[in-house]
Amino acid sequence: MIVIKQVEVKGKRVLGIELRNLGKAPLIIVKGDKGYIMCGYLNIDVAEKLGDAAVVVSGVSSVEELLEKPVKAVTSKAREYGVREGMKGLEALEKLVS
């Protein structure tokens, strides 16, 4: 099952997706203008090689949890936008929205 959620950040609406029943955990991603926040299912090393502004928040089962839990890893492009490990997912998303 795919669940699509809208998240309001800095007066803009961005898209959050939960892909449930994928395996033992859901795949979660929220897309901002400049980059995205993803759960631990997706690969930060590939995102780095592609030059994406990507952020990992692990151990989550919903978009809401993704925004509440701390950032575990960031690509160099996300770091250029001010995203850092330890900040909450919502804080990181704010940096990835114009």
PDB file of N, CA and C in Angstrom:
ATOM      1  N   MET A   1       0.837  -1.171   0.000  1.00  0.00           N
ATOM      2  CA  MET A   1       0.000   0.000   0.000  1.00  0.00           C
ATOM      3  C   MET A   1       0.890   1.246   0.000  1.00  0.00           C
ATOM      4  N   ILE A   2       0.521   2.228  -0.791  1.00  0.00           N
ATOM      5  CA  ILE A   2       1.232   3.501  -0.850  1.00  0.00           C
ATOM      6  C   ILE A   2       0.358   4.569  -0.203  1.00  0.00           C
ATOM      7  N   VAL A   3       0.942   5.293   0.748  1.00  0.00           N
ATOM      8  CA  VAL A   3       0.250   6.393   1.413  1.00  0.00           C
ATOM      9  C   VAL A   3       0.983   7.680   1.056  1.00  0.00           C
ATOM     10  N   ILE A   4       0.255   8.646   0.530  1.00  0.00           N
ATOM     11  CA  ILE A   4       0.835   9.935   0.161  1.00  0.00           C
ATOM     12  C   ILE A   4       0.336  10.977   1.152  1.00  0.00           C
ATOM     13  N   LYS A   5       1.281  11.729   1.698  1.00  0.00           N
ATOM     14  CA  LYS A   5       0.946  12.763   2.683  1.00  0.00           C
ATOM     15  C   LYS A   5       1.551  14.087   2.249  1.00  0.00           C
ATOM     16  N   GLN A   6       0.826  15.164   2.519  1.00  0.00           N
ATOM     17  CA  GLN A   6       1.369  16.495   2.284  1.00  0.00           C
ATOM     18  C   GLN A   6       1.878  17.043   3.606  1.00  0.00           C
ATOM     19  N   VAL A   7       3.054  17.633   3.555  1.00  0.00           N
ATOM     20  CA  VAL A   7       3.678  18.227   4.730  1.00  0.00           C
ATOM     21  C   VAL A   7       3.862  19.705   4.438  1.00  0.00           C
ATOM     22  N   GLU A   8       3.442  20.552   5.356  1.00  0.00           N
ATOM     23  CA  GLU A   8       3.617  21.986   5.164  1.00  0.00           C
ATOM     24  C   GLU A   8       4.897  22.441   5.856  1.00  0.00           C
ATOM     25  N   VAL A   9       5.756  23.091   5.080  1.00  0.00           N
ATOM     26  CA  VAL A   9       7.038  23.585   5.573  1.00  0.00           C
ATOM     27  C   VAL A   9       7.278  24.960   4.968  1.00  0.00           C
ATOM     28  N   LYS A  10       7.535  25.935   5.821  1.00  0.00           N
ATOM     29  CA  LYS A  10       7.831  27.289   5.361  1.00  0.00           C
ATOM     30  C   LYS A  10       6.749  27.804   4.405  1.00  0.00           C
ATOM     31  N   GLY A  11       5.489  27.483   4.702  1.00  0.00           N
ATOM     32  CA  GLY A  11       4.373  27.957   3.892  1.00  0.00           C
ATOM     33  C   GLY A  11       4.196  27.219   2.579  1.00  0.00           C
ATOM     34  N   LYS A  12       4.966  26.171   2.351  1.00  0.00           N
ATOM     35  CA  LYS A  12       4.857  25.377   1.127  1.00  0.00           C
ATOM     36  C   LYS A  12       4.437  23.963   1.484  1.00  0.00           C
ATOM     37  N   ARG A  13       3.803  23.304   0.542  1.00  0.00           N
ATOM     38  CA  ARG A  13       3.448  21.901   0.729  1.00  0.00           C
ATOM     39  C   ARG A  13       4.434  21.032  -0.041  1.00  0.00           C
ATOM     40  N   VAL A  14       4.961  20.029   0.660  1.00  0.00           N
ATOM     41  CA  VAL A  14       5.875  19.078   0.034  1.00  0.00           C
ATOM     42  C   VAL A  14       5.270  17.685   0.173  1.00  0.00           C
ATOM     43  N   LEU A  15       5.773  16.771  -0.621  1.00  0.00           N
ATOM     44  CA  LEU A  15       5.210  15.435  -0.706  1.00  0.00           C
ATOM     45  C   LEU A  15       5.946  14.437   0.174  1.00  0.00           C
ATOM     46  N   GLY A  16       5.196  13.675   0.956  1.00  0.00           N
ATOM     47  CA  GLY A  16       5.720  12.574   1.736  1.00  0.00           C
ATOM     48  C   GLY A  16       5.094  11.285   1.251  1.00  0.00           C
ATOM     49  N   ILE A  17       5.894  10.243   1.147  1.00  0.00           N
ATOM     50  CA  ILE A  17       5.397   8.954   0.670  1.00  0.00           C
ATOM     51  C   ILE A  17       5.789   7.856   1.649  1.00  0.00           C
ATOM     52  N   GLU A  18       4.831   7.002   1.976  1.00  0.00           N
ATOM     53  CA  GLU A  18       5.063   5.811   2.778  1.00  0.00           C
ATOM     54  C   GLU A  18       4.706   4.617   1.901  1.00  0.00           C
ATOM     55  N   LEU A  19       5.662   3.763   1.636  1.00  0.00           N
ATOM     56  CA  LEU A  19       5.415   2.529   0.896  1.00  0.00           C
ATOM     57  C   LEU A  19       5.401   1.404   1.924  1.00  0.00           C
ATOM     58  N   ARG A  20       4.199   1.030   2.320  1.00  0.00           N
ATOM     59  CA  ARG A  20       4.029   0.012   3.356  1.00  0.00           C
ATOM     60  C   ARG A  20       4.014  -1.375   2.732  1.00  0.00           C
ATOM     61  N   ASN A  21       4.239  -2.373   3.553  1.00  0.00           N
ATOM     62  CA  ASN A  21       4.224  -3.774   3.113  1.00  0.00           C
ATOM     63  C   ASN A  21       5.283  -4.062   2.066  1.00  0.00           C
ATOM     64  N   LEU A  22       6.362  -3.306   2.057  1.00  0.00           N
ATOM     65  CA  LEU A  22       7.456  -3.552   1.126  1.00  0.00           C
ATOM     66  C   LEU A  22       8.232  -4.794   1.557  1.00  0.00           C
ATOM     67  N   GLY A  23       8.496  -4.850   2.815  1.00  0.00           N
ATOM     68  CA  GLY A  23       9.225  -5.963   3.417  1.00  0.00           C
ATOM     69  C   GLY A  23       8.911  -5.946   4.899  1.00  0.00           C
ATOM     70  N   LYS A  24       9.948  -5.954   5.714  1.00  0.00           N
ATOM     71  CA  LYS A  24       9.740  -5.951   7.162  1.00  0.00           C
ATOM     72  C   LYS A  24       9.556  -4.547   7.733  1.00  0.00           C
ATOM     73  N   ALA A  25       9.790  -3.552   6.909  1.00  0.00           N
ATOM     74  CA  ALA A  25       9.607  -2.159   7.331  1.00  0.00           C
ATOM     75  C   ALA A  25       9.147  -1.346   6.122  1.00  0.00           C
ATOM     76  N   PRO A  26       8.500  -0.206   6.367  1.00  0.00           N
ATOM     77  CA  PRO A  26       8.071   0.626   5.245  1.00  0.00           C
ATOM     78  C   PRO A  26       9.223   1.467   4.690  1.00  0.00           C
ATOM     79  N   LEU A  27       9.094   1.869   3.454  1.00  0.00           N
ATOM     80  CA  LEU A  27      10.028   2.816   2.842  1.00  0.00           C
ATOM     81  C   LEU A  27       9.380   4.195   2.946  1.00  0.00           C
ATOM     82  N   ILE A  28      10.103   5.145   3.528  1.00  0.00           N
ATOM     83  CA  ILE A  28       9.565   6.481   3.774  1.00  0.00           C
ATOM     84  C   ILE A  28      10.472   7.505   3.113  1.00  0.00           C
ATOM     85  N   ILE A  29       9.862   8.495   2.432  1.00  0.00           N
ATOM     86  CA  ILE A  29      10.644   9.579   1.828  1.00  0.00           C
ATOM     87  C   ILE A  29       9.802  10.844   1.795  1.00  0.00           C
ATOM     88  N   VAL A  30      10.451  11.978   2.036  1.00  0.00           N
ATOM     89  CA  VAL A  30       9.811  13.283   1.920  1.00  0.00           C
ATOM     90  C   VAL A  30      10.680  14.125   1.000  1.00  0.00           C
ATOM     91  N   LYS A  31      10.083  14.679  -0.032  1.00  0.00           N
ATOM     92  CA  LYS A  31      10.809  15.422  -1.071  1.00  0.00           C
ATOM     93  C   LYS A  31      10.617  16.917  -0.892  1.00  0.00           C
ATOM     94  N   GLY A  32      11.731  17.635  -0.712  1.00  0.00           N
ATOM     95  CA  GLY A  32      11.726  19.090  -0.689  1.00  0.00           C
ATOM     96  C   GLY A  32      12.175  19.628  -2.042  1.00  0.00           C
ATOM     97  N   ASP A  33      12.242  20.943  -2.190  1.00  0.00           N
ATOM     98  CA  ASP A  33      12.664  21.568  -3.455  1.00  0.00           C
ATOM     99  C   ASP A  33      14.111  21.234  -3.808  1.00  0.00           C
ATOM    100  N   LYS A  34      14.967  21.220  -2.795  1.00  0.00           N
ATOM    101  CA  LYS A  34      16.404  21.065  -3.032  1.00  0.00           C
ATOM    102  C   LYS A  34      16.912  19.648  -2.815  1.00  0.00           C
ATOM    103  N   GLY A  35      16.133  18.821  -2.156  1.00  0.00           N
ATOM    104  CA  GLY A  35      16.587  17.475  -1.846  1.00  0.00           C
ATOM    105  C   GLY A  35      15.506  16.696  -1.122  1.00  0.00           C
ATOM    106  N   TYR A  36      15.911  15.632  -0.448  1.00  0.00           N
ATOM    107  CA  TYR A  36      14.930  14.754   0.185  1.00  0.00           C
ATOM    108  C   TYR A  36      15.475  14.131   1.463  1.00  0.00           C
ATOM    109  N   ILE A  37      14.516  13.711   2.287  1.00  0.00           N
ATOM    110  CA  ILE A  37      14.818  12.971   3.504  1.00  0.00           C
ATOM    111  C   ILE A  37      14.283  11.561   3.298  1.00  0.00           C
ATOM    112  N   MET A  38      15.102  10.572   3.612  1.00  0.00           N
ATOM    113  CA  MET A  38      14.722   9.191   3.371  1.00  0.00           C
ATOM    114  C   MET A  38      14.968   8.346   4.606  1.00  0.00           C
ATOM    115  N   CYS A  39      14.281   7.220   4.658  1.00  0.00           N
ATOM    116  CA  CYS A  39      14.516   6.281   5.747  1.00  0.00           C
ATOM    117  C   CYS A  39      15.778   5.477   5.443  1.00  0.00           C
ATOM    118  N   GLY A  40      16.154   4.627   6.351  1.00  0.00           N
ATOM    119  CA  GLY A  40      17.368   3.849   6.211  1.00  0.00           C
ATOM    120  C   GLY A  40      17.340   2.790   5.114  1.00  0.00           C
ATOM    121  N   TYR A  41      16.168   2.546   4.525  1.00  0.00           N
ATOM    122  CA  TYR A  41      16.064   1.589   3.419  1.00  0.00           C
ATOM    123  C   TYR A  41      16.884   2.034   2.210  1.00  0.00           C
ATOM    124  N   LEU A  42      16.987   3.340   2.009  1.00  0.00           N
ATOM    125  CA  LEU A  42      17.652   3.869   0.823  1.00  0.00           C
ATOM    126  C   LEU A  42      19.126   4.129   1.115  1.00  0.00           C
ATOM    127  N   ASN A  43      19.926   4.203   0.078  1.00  0.00           N
ATOM    128  CA  ASN A  43      21.377   4.192   0.204  1.00  0.00           C
ATOM    129  C   ASN A  43      21.986   5.592   0.107  1.00  0.00           C
ATOM    130  N   ILE A  44      22.569   6.060   1.195  1.00  0.00           N
ATOM    131  CA  ILE A  44      23.183   7.389   1.241  1.00  0.00           C
ATOM    132  C   ILE A  44      24.418   7.458   0.344  1.00  0.00           C
ATOM    133  N   ASP A  45      25.151   6.366   0.198  1.00  0.00           N
ATOM    134  CA  ASP A  45      26.347   6.380  -0.655  1.00  0.00           C
ATOM    135  C   ASP A  45      25.985   6.582  -2.124  1.00  0.00           C
ATOM    136  N   VAL A  46      24.913   5.968  -2.565  1.00  0.00           N
ATOM    137  CA  VAL A  46      24.456   6.177  -3.948  1.00  0.00           C
ATOM    138  C   VAL A  46      23.992   7.618  -4.130  1.00  0.00           C
ATOM    139  N   ALA A  47      23.246   8.141  -3.164  1.00  0.00           N
ATOM    140  CA  ALA A  47      22.793   9.535  -3.235  1.00  0.00           C
ATOM    141  C   ALA A  47      23.987  10.484  -3.317  1.00  0.00           C
ATOM    142  N   GLU A  48      25.040  10.188  -2.568  1.00  0.00           N
ATOM    143  CA  GLU A  48      26.263  11.008  -2.608  1.00  0.00           C
ATOM    144  C   GLU A  48      26.886  10.954  -4.000  1.00  0.00           C
ATOM    145  N   LYS A  49      27.015   9.768  -4.562  1.00  0.00           N
ATOM    146  CA  LYS A  49      27.608   9.621  -5.901  1.00  0.00           C
ATOM    147  C   LYS A  49      26.807  10.362  -6.965  1.00  0.00           C
ATOM    148  N   LEU A  50      25.489  10.415  -6.783  1.00  0.00           N
ATOM    149  CA  LEU A  50      24.626  11.113  -7.743  1.00  0.00           C
ATOM    150  C   LEU A  50      24.620  12.630  -7.544  1.00  0.00           C
ATOM    151  N   GLY A  51      25.192  13.087  -6.434  1.00  0.00           N
ATOM    152  CA  GLY A  51      25.223  14.515  -6.150  1.00  0.00           C
ATOM    153  C   GLY A  51      23.926  15.046  -5.565  1.00  0.00           C
ATOM    154  N   ASP A  52      23.095  14.156  -5.028  1.00  0.00           N
ATOM    155  CA  ASP A  52      21.816  14.562  -4.437  1.00  0.00           C
ATOM    156  C   ASP A  52      22.012  15.192  -3.058  1.00  0.00           C
ATOM    157  N   ALA A  53      21.106  16.089  -2.709  1.00  0.00           N
ATOM    158  CA  ALA A  53      21.016  16.588  -1.344  1.00  0.00           C
ATOM    159  C   ALA A  53      20.082  15.634  -0.617  1.00  0.00           C
ATOM    160  N   ALA A  54      20.659  14.651   0.061  1.00  0.00           N
ATOM    161  CA  ALA A  54      19.880  13.597   0.698  1.00  0.00           C
ATOM    162  C   ALA A  54      20.224  13.496   2.175  1.00  0.00           C
ATOM    163  N   VAL A  55      19.214  13.088   2.945  1.00  0.00           N
ATOM    164  CA  VAL A  55      19.322  12.993   4.394  1.00  0.00           C
ATOM    165  C   VAL A  55      18.724  11.662   4.820  1.00  0.00           C
ATOM    166  N   VAL A  56      19.355  10.971   5.762  1.00  0.00           N
ATOM    167  CA  VAL A  56      18.824   9.714   6.291  1.00  0.00           C
ATOM    168  C   VAL A  56      18.369   9.910   7.730  1.00  0.00           C
ATOM    169  N   VAL A  57      17.140   9.466   7.985  1.00  0.00           N
ATOM    170  CA  VAL A  57      16.604   9.340   9.337  1.00  0.00           C
ATOM    171  C   VAL A  57      16.170   7.882   9.444  1.00  0.00           C
ATOM    172  N   SER A  58      16.760   7.145  10.359  1.00  0.00           N
ATOM    173  CA  SER A  58      16.480   5.702  10.412  1.00  0.00           C
ATOM    174  C   SER A  58      15.563   5.340  11.570  1.00  0.00           C
ATOM    175  N   GLY A  59      15.028   4.111  11.494  1.00  0.00           N
ATOM    176  CA  GLY A  59      14.167   3.605  12.559  1.00  0.00           C
ATOM    177  C   GLY A  59      12.802   4.253  12.589  1.00  0.00           C
ATOM    178  N   VAL A  60      12.254   4.549  11.410  1.00  0.00           N
ATOM    179  CA  VAL A  60      10.959   5.223  11.336  1.00  0.00           C
ATOM    180  C   VAL A  60       9.947   4.365  10.582  1.00  0.00           C
ATOM    181  N   SER A  61       8.666   4.580  10.893  1.00  0.00           N
ATOM    182  CA  SER A  61       7.613   3.831  10.204  1.00  0.00           C
ATOM    183  C   SER A  61       6.535   4.744   9.627  1.00  0.00           C
ATOM    184  N   SER A  62       6.777   6.074   9.678  1.00  0.00           N
ATOM    185  CA  SER A  62       5.811   7.019   9.120  1.00  0.00           C
ATOM    186  C   SER A  62       6.524   8.328   8.772  1.00  0.00           C
ATOM    187  N   VAL A  63       5.856   9.132   7.958  1.00  0.00           N
ATOM    188  CA  VAL A  63       6.378  10.460   7.627  1.00  0.00           C
ATOM    189  C   VAL A  63       6.525  11.288   8.903  1.00  0.00           C
ATOM    190  N   GLU A  64       5.550  11.179   9.802  1.00  0.00           N
ATOM    191  CA  GLU A  64       5.593  11.948  11.045  1.00  0.00           C
ATOM    192  C   GLU A  64       6.827  11.604  11.867  1.00  0.00           C
ATOM    193  N   GLU A  65       7.143  10.306  11.973  1.00  0.00           N
ATOM    194  CA  GLU A  65       8.339   9.898  12.712  1.00  0.00           C
ATOM    195  C   GLU A  65       9.602  10.373  12.013  1.00  0.00           C
ATOM    196  N   LEU A  66       9.609  10.341  10.688  1.00  0.00           N
ATOM    197  CA  LEU A  66      10.762  10.812   9.917  1.00  0.00           C
ATOM    198  C   LEU A  66      11.084  12.262  10.257  1.00  0.00           C
ATOM    199  N   LEU A  67      10.046  13.063  10.474  1.00  0.00           N
ATOM    200  CA  LEU A  67      10.236  14.484  10.770  1.00  0.00           C
ATOM    201  C   LEU A  67      10.610  14.742  12.225  1.00  0.00           C
ATOM    202  N   GLU A  68      10.318  13.800  13.112  1.00  0.00           N
ATOM    203  CA  GLU A  68      10.588  13.975  14.541  1.00  0.00           C
ATOM    204  C   GLU A  68      11.944  13.438  14.989  1.00  0.00           C
ATOM    205  N   LYS A  69      12.416  12.393  14.353  1.00  0.00           N
ATOM    206  CA  LYS A  69      13.650  11.734  14.803  1.00  0.00           C
ATOM    207  C   LYS A  69      14.896  12.449  14.273  1.00  0.00           C
ATOM    208  N   PRO A  70      16.045  12.180  14.888  1.00  0.00           N
ATOM    209  CA  PRO A  70      17.275  12.854  14.476  1.00  0.00           C
ATOM    210  C   PRO A  70      17.870  12.324  13.173  1.00  0.00           C
ATOM    211  N   VAL A  71      18.508  13.216  12.471  1.00  0.00           N
ATOM    212  CA  VAL A  71      19.218  12.892  11.233  1.00  0.00           C
ATOM    213  C   VAL A  71      20.434  12.046  11.581  1.00  0.00           C
ATOM    214  N   LYS A  72      20.625  10.958  10.836  1.00  0.00           N
ATOM    215  CA  LYS A  72      21.755  10.050  11.061  1.00  0.00           C
ATOM    216  C   LYS A  72      22.884  10.277  10.064  1.00  0.00           C
ATOM    217  N   ALA A  73      22.547  10.651   8.816  1.00  0.00           N
ATOM    218  CA  ALA A  73      23.575  10.827   7.781  1.00  0.00           C
ATOM    219  C   ALA A  73      23.097  11.862   6.764  1.00  0.00           C
ATOM    220  N   VAL A  74      24.064  12.555   6.159  1.00  0.00           N
ATOM    221  CA  VAL A  74      23.755  13.555   5.132  1.00  0.00           C
ATOM    222  C   VAL A  74      24.795  13.466   4.020  1.00  0.00           C
ATOM    223  N   THR A  75      24.386  13.834   2.831  1.00  0.00           N
ATOM    224  CA  THR A  75      25.339  13.929   1.731  1.00  0.00           C
ATOM    225  C   THR A  75      26.036  15.283   1.800  1.00  0.00           C
ATOM    226  N   SER A  76      27.113  15.422   1.060  1.00  0.00           N
ATOM    227  CA  SER A  76      27.840  16.688   1.061  1.00  0.00           C
ATOM    228  C   SER A  76      26.972  17.821   0.506  1.00  0.00           C
ATOM    229  N   LYS A  77      26.098  17.513  -0.457  1.00  0.00           N
ATOM    230  CA  LYS A  77      25.215  18.541  -1.014  1.00  0.00           C
ATOM    231  C   LYS A  77      24.221  19.016   0.047  1.00  0.00           C
ATOM    232  N   ALA A  78      23.662  18.111   0.830  1.00  0.00           N
ATOM    233  CA  ALA A  78      22.749  18.494   1.916  1.00  0.00           C
ATOM    234  C   ALA A  78      23.492  19.316   2.960  1.00  0.00           C
ATOM    235  N   ARG A  79      24.742  18.956   3.209  1.00  0.00           N
ATOM    236  CA  ARG A  79      25.560  19.711   4.166  1.00  0.00           C
ATOM    237  C   ARG A  79      25.739  21.161   3.694  1.00  0.00           C
ATOM    238  N   GLU A  80      25.870  21.365   2.378  1.00  0.00           N
ATOM    239  CA  GLU A  80      25.982  22.722   1.828  1.00  0.00           C
ATOM    240  C   GLU A  80      24.750  23.565   2.146  1.00  0.00           C
ATOM    241  N   TYR A  81      23.608  22.931   2.280  1.00  0.00           N
ATOM    242  CA  TYR A  81      22.363  23.640   2.618  1.00  0.00           C
ATOM    243  C   TYR A  81      22.189  23.830   4.120  1.00  0.00           C
ATOM    244  N   GLY A  82      23.135  23.334   4.902  1.00  0.00           N
ATOM    245  CA  GLY A  82      23.088  23.528   6.350  1.00  0.00           C
ATOM    246  C   GLY A  82      22.537  22.364   7.141  1.00  0.00           C
ATOM    247  N   VAL A  83      22.295  21.247   6.495  1.00  0.00           N
ATOM    248  CA  VAL A  83      21.788  20.072   7.199  1.00  0.00           C
ATOM    249  C   VAL A  83      22.942  19.390   7.928  1.00  0.00           C
ATOM    250  N   ARG A  84      22.691  18.999   9.172  1.00  0.00           N
ATOM    251  CA  ARG A  84      23.710  18.358   9.993  1.00  0.00           C
ATOM    252  C   ARG A  84      23.129  17.144  10.711  1.00  0.00           C
ATOM    253  N   GLU A  85      23.974  16.167  10.997  1.00  0.00           N
ATOM    254  CA  GLU A  85      23.579  15.030  11.801  1.00  0.00           C
ATOM    255  C   GLU A  85      23.112  15.527  13.162  1.00  0.00           C
ATOM    256  N   GLY A  86      22.083  14.879  13.693  1.00  0.00           N
ATOM    257  CA  GLY A  86      21.585  15.222  15.017  1.00  0.00           C
ATOM    258  C   GLY A  86      20.387  16.154  15.015  1.00  0.00           C
ATOM    259  N   MET A  87      20.243  16.986  13.971  1.00  0.00           N
ATOM    260  CA  MET A  87      19.061  17.845  13.934  1.00  0.00           C
ATOM    261  C   MET A  87      17.837  16.984  13.617  1.00  0.00           C
ATOM    262  N   LYS A  88      16.659  17.452  13.988  1.00  0.00           N
ATOM    263  CA  LYS A  88      15.441  16.706  13.687  1.00  0.00           C
ATOM    264  C   LYS A  88      15.177  16.726  12.186  1.00  0.00           C
ATOM    265  N   GLY A  89      14.451  15.718  11.732  1.00  0.00           N
ATOM    266  CA  GLY A  89      14.102  15.624  10.320  1.00  0.00           C
ATOM    267  C   GLY A  89      13.397  16.869   9.811  1.00  0.00           C
ATOM    268  N   LEU A  90      12.501  17.436  10.610  1.00  0.00           N
ATOM    269  CA  LEU A  90      11.787  18.646  10.192  1.00  0.00           C
ATOM    270  C   LEU A  90      12.746  19.810   9.988  1.00  0.00           C
ATOM    271  N   GLU A  91      13.726  19.955  10.871  1.00  0.00           N
ATOM    272  CA  GLU A  91      14.727  21.011  10.706  1.00  0.00           C
ATOM    273  C   GLU A  91      15.505  20.818   9.407  1.00  0.00           C
ATOM    274  N   ALA A  92      15.845  19.580   9.115  1.00  0.00           N
ATOM    275  CA  ALA A  92      16.559  19.279   7.867  1.00  0.00           C
ATOM    276  C   ALA A  92      15.681  19.605   6.662  1.00  0.00           C
ATOM    277  N   LEU A  93      14.412  19.221   6.739  1.00  0.00           N
ATOM    278  CA  LEU A  93      13.495  19.501   5.632  1.00  0.00           C
ATOM    279  C   LEU A  93      13.361  21.001   5.387  1.00  0.00           C
ATOM    280  N   GLU A  94      13.325  21.776   6.452  1.00  0.00           N
ATOM    281  CA  GLU A  94      13.251  23.233   6.305  1.00  0.00           C
ATOM    282  C   GLU A  94      14.438  23.776   5.496  1.00  0.00           C
ATOM    283  N   LYS A  95      15.587  23.155   5.644  1.00  0.00           N
ATOM    284  CA  LYS A  95      16.767  23.580   4.896  1.00  0.00           C
ATOM    285  C   LYS A  95      16.706  23.145   3.431  1.00  0.00           C
ATOM    286  N   LEU A  96      15.867  22.152   3.138  1.00  0.00           N
ATOM    287  CA  LEU A  96      15.756  21.623   1.783  1.00  0.00           C
ATOM    288  C   LEU A  96      14.560  22.183   1.013  1.00  0.00           C
ATOM    289  N   VAL A  97      13.876  23.142   1.624  1.00  0.00           N
ATOM    290  CA  VAL A  97      12.743  23.811   0.980  1.00  0.00           C
ATOM    291  C   VAL A  97      13.105  25.261   0.760  1.00  0.00           C
ATOM    292  N   SER A  98      12.890  25.737  -0.464  1.00  0.00           N
ATOM    293  CA  SER A  98      13.226  27.142  -0.805  1.00  0.00           C
ATOM    294  C   SER A  98      12.292  28.107  -0.131  1.00  0.00           C
TER     295      SER A  98
END
